[in-house]
Amino acid sequence: MKSKAKIDIDWTYHEKQADVIQALKGPYDLIVFRTGYGGGKSVLGARWVLKSAIQYPNSDNLCMAQDRQKGKSTTFRVLFDELPPKDANTNPHKGGDPTNSDIIEDFNASDLRLTTVTDSVIRLGGADRWNRYAGGEFSTIWCDEPSHYENTNLYDLYEMLISRQRAPTGPNKMLWTSTGNGYNQFLRYN
């Protein structure tokens, strides 16, 4: 078993990412970080979910991609790559193991679920069904590239997810990271 001593993760952020981190500390339920490709959206989302899972023991957190299959090579790949320490070979899609990270106690590959050393859970989910997580309660929810959620009505997804932000621990916040490209309601109303 890994040490549960105080874990300090010290990531640096560029100015716009730092602005989002500050906004996530405010009174908002949903924060949107919209920027172009290579703007640091997924890195920011991954780091926020990971740090929140450590900061709030026993929390339940959701990392959402377009769908679980596409997420393996995009959203989840970034999350695995951001696991500290940087040189730990933590990405299972590159032959690594997430439990090589100092902060991950267990990885359930079939359920796509990480458990941290603070007994928090990070669920790696897909938005291919808007109501897939209707029964959960989440401390943090990160939706990566919602402008590309092709099989999901974003209004239904938002209404359902916002009602799931009532966990007893954690910030109860949602972060959407997306580009200006895509084809759904996100582009028309954001």
N, C-alpha and C. Protein backbone atom coordinates (compact mmCIF):
# COMPACT_ATOMS: atom_id res chain seq x y z
N MET A 1 0.84 -1.18 0.00
CA MET A 1 0.00 0.00 0.00
C MET A 1 0.89 1.24 0.00
N LYS A 2 0.50 2.21 -0.79
CA LYS A 2 1.28 3.45 -0.90
C LYS A 2 0.97 4.38 0.26
N SER A 3 1.87 5.28 0.49
CA SER A 3 1.72 6.23 1.58
C SER A 3 0.56 7.19 1.33
N LYS A 4 -0.20 7.45 2.39
CA LYS A 4 -1.29 8.42 2.30
C LYS A 4 -0.88 9.74 2.95
N ALA A 5 0.42 9.92 3.13
CA ALA A 5 0.92 11.17 3.69
C ALA A 5 0.54 12.31 2.75
N LYS A 6 0.68 13.51 3.23
CA LYS A 6 0.31 14.67 2.44
C LYS A 6 1.00 14.61 1.08
N ILE A 7 0.19 14.71 0.04
CA ILE A 7 0.68 14.65 -1.33
C ILE A 7 0.61 16.05 -1.91
N ASP A 8 1.71 16.52 -2.42
CA ASP A 8 1.75 17.85 -3.01
C ASP A 8 2.06 17.72 -4.49
N ILE A 9 1.11 18.14 -5.30
CA ILE A 9 1.30 18.12 -6.75
C ILE A 9 1.45 19.57 -7.19
N ASP A 10 2.60 19.88 -7.74
CA ASP A 10 2.88 21.27 -8.09
C ASP A 10 3.03 21.38 -9.61
N TRP A 11 1.90 21.64 -10.29
CA TRP A 11 1.93 21.83 -11.72
C TRP A 11 1.97 23.32 -12.02
N THR A 12 2.55 23.67 -13.14
CA THR A 12 2.51 25.07 -13.58
C THR A 12 1.46 25.19 -14.68
N TYR A 13 0.86 26.36 -14.77
CA TYR A 13 -0.20 26.63 -15.74
C TYR A 13 0.14 27.91 -16.48
N HIS A 14 -0.24 27.96 -17.77
CA HIS A 14 -0.08 29.24 -18.45
C HIS A 14 -1.22 30.15 -18.00
N GLU A 15 -1.17 31.41 -18.39
CA GLU A 15 -2.07 32.43 -17.85
C GLU A 15 -3.55 32.08 -17.97
N LYS A 16 -3.99 31.63 -19.13
CA LYS A 16 -5.41 31.31 -19.32
C LYS A 16 -5.84 30.10 -18.50
N GLN A 17 -4.96 29.09 -18.40
CA GLN A 17 -5.26 27.94 -17.55
C GLN A 17 -5.37 28.38 -16.09
N ALA A 18 -4.47 29.25 -15.65
CA ALA A 18 -4.52 29.75 -14.27
C ALA A 18 -5.81 30.52 -14.01
N ASP A 19 -6.29 31.25 -15.00
CA ASP A 19 -7.56 31.96 -14.86
C ASP A 19 -8.71 30.98 -14.64
N VAL A 20 -8.68 29.86 -15.35
CA VAL A 20 -9.73 28.83 -15.19
C VAL A 20 -9.64 28.20 -13.81
N ILE A 21 -8.44 27.89 -13.35
CA ILE A 21 -8.26 27.32 -12.01
C ILE A 21 -8.84 28.27 -10.97
N GLN A 22 -8.60 29.56 -11.10
CA GLN A 22 -9.18 30.55 -10.18
C GLN A 22 -10.70 30.56 -10.26
N ALA A 23 -11.24 30.52 -11.47
CA ALA A 23 -12.70 30.52 -11.65
C ALA A 23 -13.33 29.29 -11.01
N LEU A 24 -12.63 28.16 -11.06
CA LEU A 24 -13.15 26.93 -10.45
C LEU A 24 -13.23 27.02 -8.94
N LYS A 25 -12.57 27.99 -8.35
CA LYS A 25 -12.65 28.22 -6.91
C LYS A 25 -13.80 29.16 -6.55
N GLY A 26 -14.44 29.73 -7.58
CA GLY A 26 -15.52 30.69 -7.37
C GLY A 26 -16.88 30.03 -7.19
N PRO A 27 -17.94 30.82 -7.27
CA PRO A 27 -19.29 30.33 -6.98
C PRO A 27 -19.98 29.63 -8.16
N TYR A 28 -19.26 29.35 -9.23
CA TYR A 28 -19.88 28.83 -10.44
C TYR A 28 -20.02 27.31 -10.40
N ASP A 29 -21.09 26.80 -11.00
CA ASP A 29 -21.29 25.36 -11.12
C ASP A 29 -20.56 24.79 -12.32
N LEU A 30 -20.48 25.59 -13.39
CA LEU A 30 -19.86 25.16 -14.65
C LEU A 30 -18.90 26.23 -15.13
N ILE A 31 -17.70 25.80 -15.46
CA ILE A 31 -16.69 26.68 -16.06
C ILE A 31 -16.35 26.08 -17.43
N VAL A 32 -16.26 26.94 -18.44
CA VAL A 32 -15.92 26.49 -19.79
C VAL A 32 -14.58 27.10 -20.17
N PHE A 33 -13.66 26.24 -20.61
CA PHE A 33 -12.38 26.69 -21.15
C PHE A 33 -12.37 26.34 -22.62
N ARG A 34 -12.54 27.36 -23.44
CA ARG A 34 -12.63 27.18 -24.88
C ARG A 34 -11.43 27.87 -25.54
N THR A 35 -10.64 27.07 -26.22
CA THR A 35 -9.46 27.58 -26.91
C THR A 35 -9.13 26.63 -28.05
N GLY A 36 -8.16 26.99 -28.85
CA GLY A 36 -7.81 26.19 -30.02
C GLY A 36 -7.05 24.93 -29.68
N TYR A 37 -6.76 24.15 -30.73
CA TYR A 37 -5.98 22.93 -30.57
C TYR A 37 -4.60 23.27 -30.02
N GLY A 38 -4.14 22.50 -29.06
CA GLY A 38 -2.84 22.74 -28.45
C GLY A 38 -2.86 23.83 -27.39
N GLY A 39 -4.05 24.29 -27.00
CA GLY A 39 -4.17 25.36 -26.01
C GLY A 39 -4.10 24.91 -24.56
N GLY A 40 -3.95 23.61 -24.34
CA GLY A 40 -3.81 23.10 -22.97
C GLY A 40 -5.12 22.74 -22.29
N LYS A 41 -6.17 22.52 -23.06
CA LYS A 41 -7.49 22.22 -22.48
C LYS A 41 -7.49 20.89 -21.74
N SER A 42 -7.08 19.84 -22.44
CA SER A 42 -7.14 18.50 -21.84
C SER A 42 -6.15 18.35 -20.69
N VAL A 43 -4.98 18.95 -20.82
CA VAL A 43 -4.00 18.92 -19.73
C VAL A 43 -4.60 19.59 -18.50
N LEU A 44 -5.23 20.74 -18.68
CA LEU A 44 -5.86 21.44 -17.56
C LEU A 44 -6.94 20.57 -16.92
N GLY A 45 -7.82 19.99 -17.73
CA GLY A 45 -8.89 19.15 -17.19
C GLY A 45 -8.35 17.96 -16.44
N ALA A 46 -7.36 17.28 -17.00
CA ALA A 46 -6.77 16.11 -16.35
C ALA A 46 -6.14 16.49 -15.02
N ARG A 47 -5.38 17.55 -15.02
CA ARG A 47 -4.72 17.98 -13.78
C ARG A 47 -5.73 18.38 -12.71
N TRP A 48 -6.80 19.07 -13.12
CA TRP A 48 -7.82 19.50 -12.16
C TRP A 48 -8.50 18.30 -11.51
N VAL A 49 -8.89 17.31 -12.32
CA VAL A 49 -9.55 16.13 -11.77
C VAL A 49 -8.59 15.37 -10.85
N LEU A 50 -7.36 15.18 -11.27
CA LEU A 50 -6.39 14.45 -10.46
C LEU A 50 -6.13 15.16 -9.13
N LYS A 51 -5.89 16.45 -9.20
CA LYS A 51 -5.60 17.20 -7.97
C LYS A 51 -6.80 17.22 -7.04
N SER A 52 -8.01 17.36 -7.60
CA SER A 52 -9.23 17.35 -6.77
C SER A 52 -9.41 15.99 -6.10
N ALA A 53 -9.13 14.91 -6.82
CA ALA A 53 -9.28 13.57 -6.25
C ALA A 53 -8.34 13.37 -5.06
N ILE A 54 -7.17 13.98 -5.11
CA ILE A 54 -6.23 13.89 -4.00
C ILE A 54 -6.63 14.84 -2.87
N GLN A 55 -7.06 16.02 -3.24
CA GLN A 55 -7.41 17.04 -2.25
C GLN A 55 -8.66 16.67 -1.45
N TYR A 56 -9.59 15.95 -2.06
CA TYR A 56 -10.84 15.58 -1.40
C TYR A 56 -10.92 14.06 -1.28
N PRO A 57 -10.40 13.49 -0.18
CA PRO A 57 -10.43 12.03 -0.01
C PRO A 57 -11.85 11.47 -0.09
N ASN A 58 -11.94 10.26 -0.58
CA ASN A 58 -13.21 9.53 -0.71
C ASN A 58 -14.19 10.20 -1.68
N SER A 59 -13.69 11.03 -2.56
CA SER A 59 -14.57 11.70 -3.52
C SER A 59 -14.78 10.83 -4.76
N ASP A 60 -15.84 11.12 -5.48
CA ASP A 60 -16.17 10.42 -6.72
C ASP A 60 -16.09 11.46 -7.83
N ASN A 61 -15.28 11.19 -8.84
CA ASN A 61 -14.98 12.16 -9.89
C ASN A 61 -15.20 11.53 -11.25
N LEU A 62 -15.61 12.34 -12.21
CA LEU A 62 -15.93 11.85 -13.55
C LEU A 62 -15.11 12.59 -14.59
N CYS A 63 -14.44 11.82 -15.42
CA CYS A 63 -13.67 12.33 -16.56
C CYS A 63 -14.39 11.81 -17.80
N MET A 64 -15.01 12.70 -18.58
CA MET A 64 -15.89 12.28 -19.67
C MET A 64 -15.33 12.66 -21.04
N ALA A 65 -15.27 11.66 -21.92
CA ALA A 65 -14.87 11.84 -23.31
C ALA A 65 -16.10 11.67 -24.19
N GLN A 66 -15.91 11.80 -25.51
CA GLN A 66 -17.02 11.59 -26.45
C GLN A 66 -17.70 10.25 -26.19
N ASP A 67 -16.92 9.22 -26.16
CA ASP A 67 -17.37 7.90 -25.75
C ASP A 67 -16.15 7.18 -25.19
N ARG A 68 -16.36 6.05 -24.57
CA ARG A 68 -15.26 5.37 -23.89
C ARG A 68 -14.18 4.90 -24.87
N GLN A 69 -14.57 4.47 -26.04
CA GLN A 69 -13.59 3.99 -27.02
C GLN A 69 -12.71 5.13 -27.53
N LYS A 70 -13.32 6.24 -27.94
CA LYS A 70 -12.55 7.38 -28.44
C LYS A 70 -11.72 8.00 -27.32
N GLY A 71 -12.22 7.94 -26.11
CA GLY A 71 -11.52 8.51 -24.98
C GLY A 71 -10.18 7.85 -24.69
N LYS A 72 -10.06 6.58 -25.05
CA LYS A 72 -8.81 5.86 -24.78
C LYS A 72 -7.61 6.51 -25.47
N SER A 73 -7.82 7.04 -26.66
CA SER A 73 -6.68 7.63 -27.39
C SER A 73 -6.65 9.15 -27.30
N THR A 74 -7.60 9.73 -26.58
CA THR A 74 -7.62 11.20 -26.46
C THR A 74 -7.65 11.59 -24.99
N THR A 75 -8.81 11.79 -24.44
CA THR A 75 -9.00 12.30 -23.09
C THR A 75 -8.31 11.44 -22.04
N PHE A 76 -8.54 10.13 -22.07
CA PHE A 76 -7.95 9.26 -21.05
C PHE A 76 -6.44 9.16 -21.20
N ARG A 77 -5.96 9.20 -22.44
CA ARG A 77 -4.51 9.19 -22.68
C ARG A 77 -3.86 10.37 -21.98
N VAL A 78 -4.46 11.54 -22.11
CA VAL A 78 -3.91 12.73 -21.45
C VAL A 78 -3.95 12.57 -19.94
N LEU A 79 -5.05 12.07 -19.40
CA LEU A 79 -5.15 11.86 -17.95
C LEU A 79 -4.05 10.92 -17.47
N PHE A 80 -3.86 9.80 -18.15
CA PHE A 80 -2.81 8.85 -17.76
C PHE A 80 -1.43 9.49 -17.86
N ASP A 81 -1.20 10.27 -18.92
CA ASP A 81 0.10 10.91 -19.11
C ASP A 81 0.39 11.97 -18.06
N GLU A 82 -0.64 12.55 -17.46
CA GLU A 82 -0.45 13.60 -16.45
C GLU A 82 -0.27 13.04 -15.04
N LEU A 83 -0.40 11.73 -14.87
CA LEU A 83 -0.21 11.16 -13.54
C LEU A 83 1.23 11.37 -13.08
N PRO A 84 1.40 11.87 -11.86
CA PRO A 84 2.76 12.06 -11.36
C PRO A 84 3.35 10.76 -10.79
N PRO A 85 4.67 10.62 -10.81
CA PRO A 85 5.65 11.51 -11.40
C PRO A 85 5.71 11.37 -12.91
N LYS A 86 6.26 12.36 -13.55
CA LYS A 86 6.22 12.46 -15.00
C LYS A 86 6.87 11.29 -15.73
N ASP A 87 7.86 10.67 -15.14
CA ASP A 87 8.61 9.61 -15.81
C ASP A 87 8.18 8.20 -15.39
N ALA A 88 6.94 8.04 -14.92
CA ALA A 88 6.52 6.77 -14.29
C ALA A 88 5.90 5.75 -15.24
N ASN A 89 5.78 6.02 -16.54
CA ASN A 89 5.17 5.08 -17.48
C ASN A 89 3.79 4.63 -16.97
N THR A 90 2.85 5.56 -16.93
CA THR A 90 1.54 5.34 -16.33
C THR A 90 0.42 5.12 -17.34
N ASN A 91 0.74 5.16 -18.63
CA ASN A 91 -0.31 5.07 -19.64
C ASN A 91 -0.45 3.62 -20.14
N PRO A 92 -1.60 2.97 -19.84
CA PRO A 92 -1.77 1.58 -20.27
C PRO A 92 -1.81 1.42 -21.79
N HIS A 93 -2.12 2.48 -22.51
CA HIS A 93 -2.17 2.42 -23.97
C HIS A 93 -0.79 2.55 -24.59
N LYS A 94 0.20 2.76 -23.73
CA LYS A 94 1.60 2.81 -24.17
C LYS A 94 2.40 1.73 -23.44
N GLY A 95 1.71 0.71 -22.93
CA GLY A 95 2.38 -0.38 -22.23
C GLY A 95 2.67 -0.10 -20.77
N GLY A 96 2.15 0.99 -20.25
CA GLY A 96 2.40 1.35 -18.85
C GLY A 96 1.28 0.90 -17.92
N ASP A 97 1.38 1.31 -16.69
CA ASP A 97 0.41 0.95 -15.66
C ASP A 97 0.14 2.18 -14.80
N PRO A 98 -1.13 2.62 -14.70
CA PRO A 98 -1.44 3.80 -13.88
C PRO A 98 -0.99 3.67 -12.42
N THR A 99 -0.90 2.43 -11.92
CA THR A 99 -0.47 2.26 -10.53
C THR A 99 1.02 2.52 -10.34
N ASN A 100 1.74 2.78 -11.43
CA ASN A 100 3.12 3.25 -11.30
C ASN A 100 3.17 4.66 -10.75
N SER A 101 2.04 5.35 -10.77
CA SER A 101 1.97 6.71 -10.23
C SER A 101 1.96 6.67 -8.71
N ASP A 102 2.53 7.69 -8.13
CA ASP A 102 2.54 7.83 -6.67
C ASP A 102 1.14 8.04 -6.10
N ILE A 103 0.19 8.48 -6.92
CA ILE A 103 -1.13 8.81 -6.39
C ILE A 103 -2.22 7.79 -6.73
N ILE A 104 -1.90 6.76 -7.50
CA ILE A 104 -2.91 5.78 -7.90
C ILE A 104 -2.68 4.45 -7.18
N GLU A 105 -3.70 4.01 -6.47
CA GLU A 105 -3.64 2.75 -5.74
C GLU A 105 -4.11 1.58 -6.61
N ASP A 106 -5.12 1.82 -7.45
CA ASP A 106 -5.70 0.73 -8.24
C ASP A 106 -6.25 1.27 -9.56
N PHE A 107 -6.17 0.43 -10.59
CA PHE A 107 -6.78 0.74 -11.88
C PHE A 107 -7.59 -0.47 -12.32
N ASN A 108 -8.88 -0.28 -12.50
CA ASN A 108 -9.76 -1.33 -13.00
C ASN A 108 -9.96 -1.04 -14.49
N ALA A 109 -9.27 -1.79 -15.33
CA ALA A 109 -9.28 -1.54 -16.77
C ALA A 109 -10.63 -1.84 -17.40
N SER A 110 -11.33 -2.85 -16.92
CA SER A 110 -12.62 -3.19 -17.53
C SER A 110 -13.70 -2.16 -17.19
N ASP A 111 -13.66 -1.63 -15.98
CA ASP A 111 -14.62 -0.59 -15.59
C ASP A 111 -14.12 0.82 -15.88
N LEU A 112 -12.87 0.93 -16.34
CA LEU A 112 -12.22 2.23 -16.56
C LEU A 112 -12.40 3.12 -15.32
N ARG A 113 -11.79 2.63 -14.23
CA ARG A 113 -11.92 3.32 -12.95
C ARG A 113 -10.56 3.34 -12.25
N LEU A 114 -10.13 4.53 -11.86
CA LEU A 114 -8.92 4.72 -11.07
C LEU A 114 -9.31 4.95 -9.62
N THR A 115 -8.52 4.40 -8.70
CA THR A 115 -8.70 4.69 -7.28
C THR A 115 -7.39 5.30 -6.79
N THR A 116 -7.49 6.43 -6.15
CA THR A 116 -6.29 7.13 -5.68
C THR A 116 -5.89 6.62 -4.30
N VAL A 117 -4.73 7.05 -3.85
CA VAL A 117 -4.25 6.67 -2.52
C VAL A 117 -5.09 7.31 -1.43
N THR A 118 -5.91 8.28 -1.76
CA THR A 118 -6.82 8.92 -0.80
C THR A 118 -8.22 8.31 -0.88
N ASP A 119 -8.32 7.15 -1.53
CA ASP A 119 -9.59 6.42 -1.69
C ASP A 119 -10.63 7.18 -2.50
N SER A 120 -10.19 8.08 -3.33
CA SER A 120 -11.09 8.74 -4.27
C SER A 120 -11.15 7.92 -5.55
N VAL A 121 -12.25 8.04 -6.26
CA VAL A 121 -12.45 7.32 -7.51
C VAL A 121 -12.51 8.32 -8.65
N ILE A 122 -11.87 7.98 -9.75
CA ILE A 122 -11.99 8.75 -10.99
C ILE A 122 -12.55 7.80 -12.03
N ARG A 123 -13.77 8.07 -12.47
CA ARG A 123 -14.43 7.24 -13.48
C ARG A 123 -14.12 7.82 -14.86
N LEU A 124 -13.71 6.95 -15.78
CA LEU A 124 -13.40 7.36 -17.14
C LEU A 124 -14.61 7.00 -17.98
N GLY A 125 -15.42 8.00 -18.31
CA GLY A 125 -16.70 7.74 -18.93
C GLY A 125 -16.86 8.31 -20.32
N GLY A 126 -17.98 7.98 -20.92
CA GLY A 126 -18.32 8.45 -22.25
C GLY A 126 -19.67 9.13 -22.28
N ALA A 127 -19.79 10.09 -23.17
CA ALA A 127 -21.02 10.87 -23.30
C ALA A 127 -21.91 10.34 -24.42
N ASP A 128 -21.73 9.09 -24.82
CA ASP A 128 -22.54 8.55 -25.90
C ASP A 128 -24.00 8.34 -25.48
N ARG A 129 -24.24 8.28 -24.17
CA ARG A 129 -25.61 8.28 -23.64
C ARG A 129 -25.68 9.38 -22.59
N TRP A 130 -26.54 10.35 -22.76
CA TRP A 130 -26.57 11.51 -21.88
C TRP A 130 -26.93 11.14 -20.44
N ASN A 131 -27.64 10.04 -20.22
CA ASN A 131 -28.09 9.71 -18.87
C ASN A 131 -27.31 8.56 -18.23
N ARG A 132 -26.17 8.22 -18.79
CA ARG A 132 -25.37 7.10 -18.28
C ARG A 132 -25.04 7.25 -16.79
N TYR A 133 -24.82 8.44 -16.29
CA TYR A 133 -24.39 8.66 -14.92
C TYR A 133 -25.48 9.29 -14.05
N ALA A 134 -26.73 9.07 -14.42
CA ALA A 134 -27.85 9.69 -13.73
C ALA A 134 -27.95 9.31 -12.26
N GLY A 135 -27.40 8.19 -11.84
CA GLY A 135 -27.50 7.78 -10.44
C GLY A 135 -26.34 8.21 -9.58
N GLY A 136 -25.29 8.78 -10.18
CA GLY A 136 -24.09 9.11 -9.42
C GLY A 136 -24.15 10.47 -8.74
N GLU A 137 -23.21 10.68 -7.86
CA GLU A 137 -22.98 11.99 -7.24
C GLU A 137 -21.49 12.26 -7.36
N PHE A 138 -21.14 13.36 -7.99
CA PHE A 138 -19.75 13.61 -8.32
C PHE A 138 -19.23 14.90 -7.68
N SER A 139 -18.00 14.83 -7.21
CA SER A 139 -17.31 16.01 -6.67
C SER A 139 -16.81 16.90 -7.78
N THR A 140 -16.22 16.27 -8.80
CA THR A 140 -15.77 17.00 -9.98
C THR A 140 -16.23 16.26 -11.22
N ILE A 141 -16.56 17.03 -12.24
CA ILE A 141 -16.93 16.47 -13.54
C ILE A 141 -16.16 17.25 -14.59
N TRP A 142 -15.38 16.54 -15.38
CA TRP A 142 -14.66 17.17 -16.49
C TRP A 142 -15.17 16.56 -17.78
N CYS A 143 -15.73 17.40 -18.64
CA CYS A 143 -16.19 16.99 -19.97
C CYS A 143 -15.21 17.54 -21.00
N ASP A 144 -14.50 16.66 -21.66
CA ASP A 144 -13.51 17.05 -22.65
C ASP A 144 -14.13 17.05 -24.04
N GLU A 145 -13.96 18.14 -24.75
CA GLU A 145 -14.46 18.32 -26.12
C GLU A 145 -15.98 18.08 -26.28
N PRO A 146 -16.81 18.72 -25.46
CA PRO A 146 -18.26 18.52 -25.61
C PRO A 146 -18.80 18.97 -26.97
N SER A 147 -18.06 19.79 -27.69
CA SER A 147 -18.53 20.19 -29.03
C SER A 147 -18.50 19.01 -30.00
N HIS A 148 -17.86 17.92 -29.61
CA HIS A 148 -17.79 16.72 -30.45
C HIS A 148 -18.61 15.55 -29.89
N TYR A 149 -19.47 15.81 -28.92
CA TYR A 149 -20.33 14.75 -28.38
C TYR A 149 -21.46 14.52 -29.38
N GLU A 150 -21.18 13.71 -30.37
CA GLU A 150 -22.08 13.57 -31.52
C GLU A 150 -23.39 12.86 -31.23
N ASN A 151 -23.46 12.02 -30.24
CA ASN A 151 -24.69 11.27 -29.97
C ASN A 151 -25.42 11.75 -28.73
N THR A 152 -25.12 12.96 -28.29
CA THR A 152 -25.65 13.45 -27.03
C THR A 152 -26.26 14.83 -27.19
N ASN A 153 -27.43 15.01 -26.63
CA ASN A 153 -28.03 16.33 -26.54
C ASN A 153 -27.38 17.04 -25.36
N LEU A 154 -26.65 18.11 -25.62
CA LEU A 154 -25.91 18.77 -24.55
C LEU A 154 -26.81 19.38 -23.48
N TYR A 155 -28.00 19.80 -23.85
CA TYR A 155 -28.92 20.35 -22.85
C TYR A 155 -29.33 19.27 -21.86
N ASP A 156 -29.66 18.10 -22.37
CA ASP A 156 -30.02 16.98 -21.49
C ASP A 156 -28.83 16.56 -20.64
N LEU A 157 -27.66 16.49 -21.26
CA LEU A 157 -26.45 16.11 -20.53
C LEU A 157 -26.15 17.11 -19.42
N TYR A 158 -26.18 18.39 -19.74
CA TYR A 158 -25.90 19.43 -18.75
C TYR A 158 -26.89 19.35 -17.59
N GLU A 159 -28.17 19.27 -17.89
CA GLU A 159 -29.19 19.21 -16.83
C GLU A 159 -28.97 18.01 -15.92
N MET A 160 -28.65 16.87 -16.51
CA MET A 160 -28.42 15.68 -15.71
C MET A 160 -27.16 15.82 -14.87
N LEU A 161 -26.05 16.25 -15.50
CA LEU A 161 -24.78 16.34 -14.77
C LEU A 161 -24.82 17.39 -13.67
N ILE A 162 -25.45 18.52 -13.92
CA ILE A 162 -25.49 19.57 -12.90
C ILE A 162 -26.26 19.08 -11.67
N SER A 163 -27.23 18.20 -11.88
CA SER A 163 -27.98 17.64 -10.75
C SER A 163 -27.18 16.59 -10.00
N ARG A 164 -26.08 16.12 -10.57
CA ARG A 164 -25.22 15.11 -9.94
C ARG A 164 -24.13 15.74 -9.10
N GLN A 165 -24.00 17.05 -9.11
CA GLN A 165 -22.96 17.76 -8.36
C GLN A 165 -23.45 18.03 -6.95
N ARG A 166 -23.60 16.98 -6.18
CA ARG A 166 -24.08 17.14 -4.81
C ARG A 166 -23.38 16.16 -3.88
N ALA A 167 -22.14 15.87 -4.19
CA ALA A 167 -21.36 14.95 -3.38
C ALA A 167 -21.05 15.59 -2.03
N PRO A 168 -20.92 14.78 -0.98
CA PRO A 168 -20.63 15.33 0.35
C PRO A 168 -19.22 15.92 0.47
N THR A 169 -18.29 15.51 -0.42
CA THR A 169 -16.94 16.07 -0.40
C THR A 169 -16.62 16.64 -1.77
N GLY A 170 -15.75 17.63 -1.77
CA GLY A 170 -15.28 18.17 -3.04
C GLY A 170 -15.95 19.47 -3.42
N PRO A 171 -15.48 20.02 -4.51
CA PRO A 171 -15.98 21.34 -4.92
C PRO A 171 -17.35 21.30 -5.59
N ASN A 172 -17.80 20.13 -6.04
CA ASN A 172 -19.07 20.02 -6.77
C ASN A 172 -19.10 21.01 -7.93
N LYS A 173 -18.12 20.87 -8.79
CA LYS A 173 -17.94 21.74 -9.96
C LYS A 173 -17.84 20.90 -11.23
N MET A 174 -18.13 21.56 -12.35
CA MET A 174 -17.99 20.92 -13.65
C MET A 174 -17.15 21.83 -14.55
N LEU A 175 -16.22 21.20 -15.29
CA LEU A 175 -15.35 21.90 -16.23
C LEU A 175 -15.56 21.31 -17.61
N TRP A 176 -15.85 22.17 -18.57
CA TRP A 176 -15.93 21.76 -19.97
C TRP A 176 -14.74 22.37 -20.69
N THR A 177 -13.98 21.55 -21.41
CA THR A 177 -12.84 22.03 -22.19
C THR A 177 -13.10 21.68 -23.65
N SER A 178 -13.07 22.68 -24.51
CA SER A 178 -13.40 22.41 -25.91
C SER A 178 -12.81 23.46 -26.83
N THR A 179 -12.67 23.08 -28.08
CA THR A 179 -12.28 24.02 -29.12
C THR A 179 -13.52 24.70 -29.66
N GLY A 180 -13.33 25.56 -30.62
CA GLY A 180 -14.46 26.18 -31.30
C GLY A 180 -14.95 25.37 -32.47
N ASN A 181 -14.37 24.19 -32.67
CA ASN A 181 -14.79 23.31 -33.76
C ASN A 181 -15.75 22.25 -33.23
N GLY A 182 -16.55 21.71 -34.12
CA GLY A 182 -17.50 20.68 -33.72
C GLY A 182 -18.80 20.87 -34.46
N TYR A 183 -19.86 20.27 -33.92
CA TYR A 183 -21.10 20.28 -34.70
C TYR A 183 -22.36 20.21 -33.85
N ASN A 184 -22.33 20.58 -32.60
CA ASN A 184 -23.55 20.46 -31.80
C ASN A 184 -23.92 21.79 -31.15
N GLN A 185 -24.80 21.75 -30.16
CA GLN A 185 -25.31 22.96 -29.52
C GLN A 185 -24.21 23.78 -28.86
N PHE A 186 -23.13 23.17 -28.48
CA PHE A 186 -22.04 23.89 -27.81
C PHE A 186 -21.56 25.07 -28.66
N LEU A 187 -21.51 24.88 -29.95
CA LEU A 187 -21.00 25.91 -30.85
C LEU A 187 -21.99 27.04 -31.05
N ARG A 188 -23.24 26.73 -31.01
CA ARG A 188 -24.27 27.74 -31.27
C ARG A 188 -24.51 28.65 -30.08
N TYR A 189 -24.33 28.17 -28.88
CA TYR A 189 -24.75 28.94 -27.72
C TYR A 189 -23.63 29.25 -26.74
N ASN A 190 -22.41 29.06 -27.15
CA ASN A 190 -21.33 29.33 -26.21
C ASN A 190 -20.46 30.45 -26.68
